[in-house]
Amino acid sequence: MTNYDAILVVSFGGPESKEEVIPFLENVLRGRNVPGERMLAVSEHYYHLGGKSPINQQTRELIGALEAELERKGPKLPVYWGNRNWHPLLPDTLRRMKQDGIRRALAFVTSAYSSYSGCRQYREDIARAQSEVGPGAPEIDKLRVFFNHPGFVEATVERVGDALGAIPVDGRANVQVVYTAHSIPLSMANTSDYVKQLEEVRRLVSGLLGQKNDALVYQSRSGAPGQPWLEPDVLDYLREVKARNLASGVVLAPIGFISDHLEVLYDLDVEAQQICKSLDLPMARAKTVGVHPKFIAMIRELILERMNPGMERRTLGSLGARTDICTEDCCPAPQRMVRVS
């Protein structure tokens, strides 16, 4: 058995008041060639929702559910929390862990897929925080990505099934499930398994639901206009659904996200909802996995399998379990990359 003395939940972070929106976005975009007008445009998304991103509160709820799960079933390890872009920031959390005598921890990153921004960059964030803390900083091992773990897939199936049931009866004849994920630059997608993993989750979820009419699209693009990113965009695709009569209604299923944070709420519940209303296209939006009991049980299982190297590493589909240690050339950083959450 491999011994650890804490769990570290690592997330993106988000502002919790109007006053924090611009400083947060400056943190996210520091060192990136992003026009100021783009930052101001994104800030309006936050102001539309009161200036507060839901992501930090949802991370607190996830941690509370995980702590309860570990208290009931073990291992009884303390859970810490550090963000990439806003308080509590990773260096501050690692300093507290050092003060508390934590020497070795397992990191659960709130991203299910392999890509630079969803995996490697978080490992770089952790390494940078360790360097800031200096000697005595806790050793941190990242848990594997979990896109095809039964706990994630089955929780997603239940969320999408609930949304299918919410479509009005007269719109159910030919409902299409439109799976969404964060768009990323093609330069990042081409050097990772991001799209392949999303397609696998789409296939698994639709297969378990018996859903034949589906599509995978992308949302929340934030790069320069001339930079190629993954397409189609969800809003363009919804117009296409109506124009080509591809469905009598749609369920938007944000499988690329684990919580209903700002990008889900604004891009889908505001913008996509407006488009669907203008098209007279019935729409329901599936919840993300959030604190679904199967998802929380999955996190505990990932912890146990890392502590017990001989334990079965459960997956669904054909892609198998990702390795614990990423290779040196895995998910390299693209030349240009911007993400705002």
Protein backbone atom coordinates (compact mmCIF):
# COMPACT_ATOMS: atom_id res chain seq x y z
CA MET A 1 0.00 0.00 0.00
CA THR A 2 1.16 3.54 -0.84
CA ASN A 3 0.61 5.96 2.03
CA TYR A 4 -0.79 9.45 1.63
CA ASP A 5 -1.82 11.86 4.36
CA ALA A 6 -4.18 14.25 2.52
CA ILE A 7 -6.32 14.89 -0.55
CA LEU A 8 -5.92 18.09 -2.56
CA VAL A 9 -8.85 19.22 -4.74
CA VAL A 10 -7.53 21.42 -7.55
CA SER A 11 -9.92 23.61 -9.54
CA PHE A 12 -9.96 26.60 -11.89
CA GLY A 13 -11.36 29.14 -9.44
CA GLY A 14 -13.66 32.08 -10.02
CA PRO A 15 -14.66 35.50 -8.67
CA GLU A 16 -17.23 35.75 -5.87
CA SER A 17 -18.15 39.46 -6.21
CA LYS A 18 -18.32 42.13 -8.89
CA GLU A 19 -15.15 43.71 -7.50
CA GLU A 20 -13.22 40.47 -8.07
CA VAL A 21 -14.22 39.93 -11.72
CA ILE A 22 -11.56 42.07 -13.42
CA PRO A 23 -8.68 41.01 -11.09
CA PHE A 24 -9.69 37.39 -11.66
CA LEU A 25 -9.73 37.79 -15.45
CA GLU A 26 -6.36 39.56 -15.31
CA ASN A 27 -5.02 36.51 -13.48
CA VAL A 28 -6.42 34.16 -16.10
CA LEU A 29 -5.11 36.19 -19.05
CA ARG A 30 -1.75 37.30 -17.62
CA GLY A 31 1.02 36.79 -20.15
CA ARG A 32 -1.42 36.07 -22.98
CA ASN A 33 -1.96 38.11 -26.11
CA VAL A 34 -5.64 38.85 -25.51
CA PRO A 35 -7.23 42.20 -26.43
CA GLY A 36 -8.64 44.20 -23.54
CA GLU A 37 -12.04 44.32 -25.22
CA ARG A 38 -12.22 40.52 -25.10
CA MET A 39 -11.64 40.58 -21.34
CA LEU A 40 -14.35 43.22 -20.92
CA ALA A 41 -16.76 41.16 -23.05
CA VAL A 42 -16.21 38.11 -20.85
CA SER A 43 -16.60 40.23 -17.72
CA GLU A 44 -20.15 41.04 -18.85
CA HIS A 45 -21.00 37.33 -18.62
CA TYR A 46 -20.10 37.45 -14.93
CA TYR A 47 -21.98 40.70 -14.35
CA HIS A 48 -25.05 39.17 -16.02
CA LEU A 49 -25.03 36.58 -13.22
CA GLY A 50 -24.43 39.10 -10.45
CA GLY A 51 -20.63 39.22 -10.68
CA LYS A 52 -20.21 35.88 -8.97
CA SER A 53 -19.07 32.66 -10.58
CA PRO A 54 -20.76 29.57 -9.10
CA ILE A 55 -17.59 27.50 -9.43
CA ASN A 56 -16.11 28.14 -5.95
CA GLN A 57 -19.36 27.31 -4.15
CA GLN A 58 -19.77 24.20 -6.23
CA THR A 59 -16.21 23.17 -5.36
CA ARG A 60 -17.07 23.65 -1.67
CA GLU A 61 -20.10 21.38 -2.12
CA LEU A 62 -17.96 18.77 -3.87
CA ILE A 63 -15.41 18.87 -1.04
CA GLY A 64 -18.18 18.57 1.56
CA ALA A 65 -19.62 15.52 -0.20
CA LEU A 66 -16.16 13.94 -0.56
CA GLU A 67 -15.33 14.57 3.10
CA ALA A 68 -18.58 12.89 4.12
CA GLU A 69 -17.84 9.91 1.84
CA LEU A 70 -14.33 9.48 3.25
CA GLU A 71 -15.59 9.85 6.82
CA ARG A 72 -18.16 7.09 6.26
CA LYS A 73 -16.08 4.67 4.23
CA GLY A 74 -12.45 5.72 4.57
CA PRO A 75 -9.67 6.44 4.08
CA LYS A 76 -10.08 9.20 6.65
CA LEU A 77 -7.84 11.83 5.08
CA PRO A 78 -8.16 15.63 5.34
CA VAL A 79 -9.24 17.42 2.16
CA TYR A 80 -7.54 20.65 1.06
CA TRP A 81 -8.48 22.96 -1.81
CA GLY A 82 -6.36 25.08 -4.14
CA ASN A 83 -7.26 26.94 -7.35
CA ARG A 84 -5.34 27.88 -10.47
CA ASN A 85 -6.70 31.42 -10.84
CA TRP A 86 -8.47 32.67 -7.70
CA HIS A 87 -8.56 32.23 -3.96
CA PRO A 88 -7.79 29.86 -2.40
CA LEU A 89 -4.74 29.84 -4.65
CA LEU A 90 -2.54 26.75 -4.86
CA PRO A 91 0.62 28.29 -3.31
CA ASP A 92 -1.36 29.47 -0.26
CA THR A 93 -2.94 26.04 0.14
CA LEU A 94 0.39 24.24 -0.13
CA ARG A 95 1.85 26.56 2.51
CA ARG A 96 -1.01 25.63 4.84
CA MET A 97 -0.50 21.95 4.10
CA LYS A 98 3.20 22.31 4.93
CA GLN A 99 2.32 24.05 8.22
CA ASP A 100 -0.11 21.24 9.02
CA GLY A 101 2.62 18.65 8.54
CA ILE A 102 1.26 17.19 5.30
CA ARG A 103 4.06 15.45 3.46
CA ARG A 104 2.35 13.56 0.65
CA ALA A 105 -1.05 14.18 -0.95
CA LEU A 106 -3.19 12.97 -3.83
CA ALA A 107 -4.59 15.64 -6.14
CA PHE A 108 -8.06 15.37 -7.64
CA VAL A 109 -8.33 17.84 -10.54
CA THR A 110 -11.83 18.90 -11.56
CA SER A 111 -11.27 18.01 -15.21
CA ALA A 112 -12.26 14.64 -16.68
CA TYR A 113 -10.26 14.72 -19.91
CA SER A 114 -6.71 14.81 -21.25
CA SER A 115 -5.51 18.07 -22.79
CA TYR A 116 -2.96 20.71 -21.96
CA SER A 117 -5.42 22.95 -20.09
CA GLY A 118 -7.29 20.05 -18.48
CA CYS A 119 -4.35 17.99 -17.23
CA ARG A 120 -0.76 19.02 -17.92
CA GLN A 121 -1.29 22.69 -17.02
CA TYR A 122 -2.67 21.68 -13.63
CA ARG A 123 0.45 19.59 -13.01
CA GLU A 124 2.53 22.62 -13.94
CA ASP A 125 0.45 24.76 -11.56
CA ILE A 126 1.14 22.32 -8.73
CA ALA A 127 4.87 22.22 -9.51
CA ARG A 128 5.00 26.04 -9.59
CA ALA A 129 3.23 26.23 -6.23
CA GLN A 130 5.65 23.70 -4.75
CA SER A 131 8.55 25.81 -5.98
CA GLU A 132 7.04 28.93 -4.37
CA VAL A 133 6.62 27.15 -1.04
CA GLY A 134 10.17 25.79 -1.22
CA PRO A 135 11.74 23.09 0.97
CA GLY A 136 9.17 21.05 2.85
CA ALA A 137 6.41 21.60 0.31
CA PRO A 138 4.23 18.50 0.19
CA GLU A 139 4.74 15.94 -2.55
CA ILE A 140 1.63 15.84 -4.76
CA ASP A 141 0.58 12.96 -7.02
CA LYS A 142 -2.26 13.66 -9.47
CA LEU A 143 -5.07 11.12 -9.84
CA ARG A 144 -5.72 9.83 -13.37
CA VAL A 145 -8.26 11.40 -15.71
CA PHE A 146 -11.64 9.75 -15.29
CA PHE A 147 -13.70 10.38 -18.44
CA ASN A 148 -14.47 6.65 -18.88
CA HIS A 149 -14.82 5.63 -15.24
CA PRO A 150 -18.21 4.00 -14.59
CA GLY A 151 -18.95 6.52 -11.81
CA PHE A 152 -18.62 9.48 -14.17
CA VAL A 153 -20.39 7.84 -17.11
CA GLU A 154 -23.31 6.43 -15.08
CA ALA A 155 -23.87 9.72 -13.25
CA THR A 156 -23.89 11.48 -16.63
CA VAL A 157 -26.40 8.96 -17.98
CA GLU A 158 -28.77 9.75 -15.11
CA ARG A 159 -28.40 13.52 -15.60
CA VAL A 160 -29.08 13.27 -19.36
CA GLY A 161 -31.98 10.88 -18.76
CA ASP A 162 -33.59 13.38 -16.40
CA ALA A 163 -33.27 16.12 -19.02
CA LEU A 164 -34.78 13.91 -21.74
CA GLY A 165 -37.81 13.51 -19.51
CA ALA A 166 -38.12 17.31 -19.24
CA ILE A 167 -38.68 17.85 -22.96
CA PRO A 168 -42.36 18.66 -23.63
CA VAL A 169 -44.33 15.65 -24.84
CA ASP A 170 -44.99 17.17 -28.25
CA GLY A 171 -41.24 17.65 -28.78
CA ARG A 172 -40.09 14.14 -27.88
CA ALA A 173 -40.70 12.43 -31.22
CA ASN A 174 -37.14 12.93 -32.41
CA VAL A 175 -35.08 14.52 -29.64
CA GLN A 176 -31.38 14.97 -30.26
CA VAL A 177 -28.87 14.90 -27.41
CA VAL A 178 -26.31 17.61 -28.14
CA TYR A 179 -23.21 16.92 -26.06
CA THR A 180 -21.08 20.00 -25.38
CA ALA A 181 -17.50 20.50 -24.26
CA HIS A 182 -15.16 23.47 -23.97
CA SER A 183 -13.64 24.32 -27.33
CA ILE A 184 -9.85 24.35 -27.38
CA PRO A 185 -7.34 25.42 -30.06
CA LEU A 186 -6.72 22.81 -32.75
CA SER A 187 -3.03 23.03 -31.86
CA MET A 188 -3.96 21.67 -28.42
CA ALA A 189 -6.54 19.16 -29.64
CA ASN A 190 -4.11 17.69 -32.17
CA THR A 191 -1.55 16.83 -29.49
CA SER A 192 -3.94 15.19 -26.99
CA ASP A 193 -6.74 12.61 -26.78
CA TYR A 194 -9.32 15.25 -25.85
CA VAL A 195 -11.67 14.71 -28.81
CA LYS A 196 -11.23 10.94 -28.78
CA GLN A 197 -12.18 10.82 -25.09
CA LEU A 198 -15.20 13.09 -25.58
CA GLU A 199 -16.39 10.91 -28.47
CA GLU A 200 -16.03 7.86 -26.22
CA VAL A 201 -18.19 9.44 -23.51
CA ARG A 202 -20.75 10.47 -26.11
CA ARG A 203 -20.88 6.88 -27.41
CA LEU A 204 -21.09 5.34 -23.94
CA VAL A 205 -23.81 7.66 -22.64
CA SER A 206 -25.95 7.45 -25.76
CA GLY A 207 -25.51 3.67 -25.84
CA LEU A 208 -26.64 3.25 -22.24
CA LEU A 209 -29.64 5.51 -22.92
CA GLY A 210 -30.53 3.85 -26.21
CA GLN A 211 -30.22 7.28 -27.82
CA LYS A 212 -29.48 7.15 -31.56
CA ASN A 213 -29.83 10.84 -32.44
CA ASP A 214 -26.88 12.74 -30.97
CA ALA A 215 -24.03 15.13 -31.76
CA LEU A 216 -20.85 16.47 -30.16
CA VAL A 217 -20.32 20.23 -30.35
CA TYR A 218 -18.21 22.86 -28.60
CA GLN A 219 -18.80 26.02 -26.58
CA SER A 220 -17.04 28.90 -24.84
CA ARG A 221 -14.41 29.59 -27.50
CA SER A 222 -12.16 32.42 -26.29
CA GLY A 223 -9.29 32.62 -28.77
CA ALA A 224 -8.37 35.20 -31.38
CA PRO A 225 -10.67 35.17 -34.45
CA GLY A 226 -7.91 33.90 -36.77
CA GLN A 227 -6.89 31.01 -34.53
CA PRO A 228 -8.56 27.68 -35.41
CA TRP A 229 -10.50 26.10 -32.53
CA LEU A 230 -12.64 22.98 -32.31
CA GLU A 231 -16.02 23.30 -34.04
CA PRO A 232 -18.96 23.32 -34.54
CA ASP A 233 -19.97 25.96 -32.02
CA VAL A 234 -23.12 25.04 -30.12
CA LEU A 235 -25.04 28.15 -31.19
CA ASP A 236 -24.25 27.62 -34.87
CA TYR A 237 -25.18 23.97 -34.54
CA LEU A 238 -28.58 24.72 -32.99
CA ARG A 239 -29.41 26.89 -36.00
CA GLU A 240 -28.39 23.98 -38.23
CA VAL A 241 -30.64 21.58 -36.30
CA LYS A 242 -33.61 23.78 -37.07
CA ALA A 243 -32.65 24.58 -40.65
CA ARG A 244 -32.07 20.92 -41.55
CA ASN A 245 -34.89 19.56 -39.37
CA LEU A 246 -32.46 17.26 -37.55
CA ALA A 247 -34.59 17.04 -34.42
CA SER A 248 -37.94 17.99 -32.90
CA GLY A 249 -36.18 19.12 -29.69
CA VAL A 250 -32.73 19.08 -28.11
CA VAL A 251 -31.17 18.15 -24.81
CA LEU A 252 -27.91 20.01 -24.19
CA ALA A 253 -25.58 17.79 -22.17
CA PRO A 254 -22.37 19.57 -21.00
CA ILE A 255 -20.22 16.43 -20.65
CA GLY A 256 -17.04 18.51 -20.82
CA PHE A 257 -17.75 20.04 -17.39
CA ILE A 258 -18.28 18.50 -13.95
CA SER A 259 -20.17 21.43 -12.41
CA ASP A 260 -22.74 24.02 -13.50
CA HIS A 261 -20.36 26.96 -13.42
CA LEU A 262 -20.48 30.21 -15.41
CA GLU A 263 -19.74 28.81 -18.85
CA VAL A 264 -22.54 26.29 -18.51
CA LEU A 265 -24.99 28.80 -17.04
CA TYR A 266 -24.29 31.63 -19.46
CA ASP A 267 -23.42 29.85 -22.71
CA LEU A 268 -26.16 27.24 -22.43
CA ASP A 269 -28.85 28.53 -20.06
CA VAL A 270 -28.75 32.09 -21.46
CA GLU A 271 -27.35 32.16 -25.00
CA ALA A 272 -28.40 28.70 -26.21
CA GLN A 273 -31.78 29.05 -24.52
CA GLN A 274 -32.35 32.34 -26.33
CA ILE A 275 -31.42 30.79 -29.68
CA CYS A 276 -33.77 27.84 -29.10
CA LYS A 277 -36.64 30.15 -28.18
CA SER A 278 -36.10 32.22 -31.32
CA LEU A 279 -36.08 29.01 -33.39
CA ASP A 280 -39.11 27.54 -31.61
CA LEU A 281 -36.93 24.53 -30.82
CA PRO A 282 -37.82 22.79 -27.51
CA MET A 283 -34.72 22.55 -25.30
CA ALA A 284 -33.74 21.06 -21.96
CA ARG A 285 -30.32 21.23 -20.37
CA ALA A 286 -28.86 18.27 -18.50
CA LYS A 287 -27.17 18.99 -15.19
CA THR A 288 -23.50 18.23 -14.83
CA VAL A 289 -22.48 15.41 -12.47
CA GLY A 290 -21.87 17.84 -9.58
CA VAL A 291 -22.21 15.95 -6.31
CA HIS A 292 -24.03 12.95 -7.75
CA PRO A 293 -23.41 10.03 -5.32
CA LYS A 294 -21.89 7.85 -8.06
CA PHE A 295 -19.44 10.60 -8.97
CA ILE A 296 -18.39 11.18 -5.37
CA ALA A 297 -17.96 7.42 -4.90
CA MET A 298 -15.76 7.46 -8.01
CA ILE A 299 -13.38 10.00 -6.46
CA ARG A 300 -13.00 7.75 -3.41
CA GLU A 301 -12.34 4.79 -5.72
CA LEU A 302 -9.62 6.72 -7.58
CA ILE A 303 -7.99 7.47 -4.23
CA LEU A 304 -8.14 3.82 -3.17
CA GLU A 305 -6.74 2.50 -6.44
CA ARG A 306 -3.77 4.87 -6.18
CA MET A 307 -3.12 3.79 -2.59
CA ASN A 308 -3.45 0.12 -3.56
CA PRO A 309 -1.52 -0.45 -6.81
CA GLY A 310 -2.96 -3.95 -7.31
CA MET A 311 -6.56 -2.76 -7.23
CA GLU A 312 -8.73 -3.03 -10.37
CA ARG A 313 -8.83 0.22 -12.36
CA ARG A 314 -12.41 0.26 -13.63
CA THR A 315 -13.33 1.78 -16.98
CA LEU A 316 -16.07 1.49 -19.60
CA GLY A 317 -15.53 1.32 -23.35
CA SER A 318 -12.40 0.50 -25.28
CA LEU A 319 -9.87 3.20 -24.33
CA GLY A 320 -8.84 1.71 -20.97
CA ALA A 321 -7.45 3.47 -17.92
CA ARG A 322 -4.95 6.28 -18.33
CA THR A 323 -1.59 5.86 -16.67
CA ASP A 324 -0.90 7.52 -13.33
CA ILE A 325 2.27 9.22 -14.54
CA CYS A 326 2.04 11.21 -17.77
CA THR A 327 4.88 10.85 -20.27
CA GLU A 328 7.16 13.82 -20.77
CA ASP A 329 5.66 14.63 -24.19
CA CYS A 330 2.02 14.19 -23.12
CA CYS A 331 -0.39 17.08 -23.92
CA PRO A 332 2.26 19.73 -24.73
CA ALA A 333 1.34 23.39 -24.46
CA PRO A 334 0.17 24.98 -27.72
CA GLN A 335 1.89 28.10 -28.92
CA ARG A 336 -1.20 30.16 -28.11
CA MET A 337 -3.86 29.16 -25.63
CA VAL A 338 -6.55 31.13 -23.82
CA ARG A 339 -9.28 29.81 -21.58
CA VAL A 340 -11.65 31.82 -19.45
CA SER A 341 -13.95 29.98 -17.02
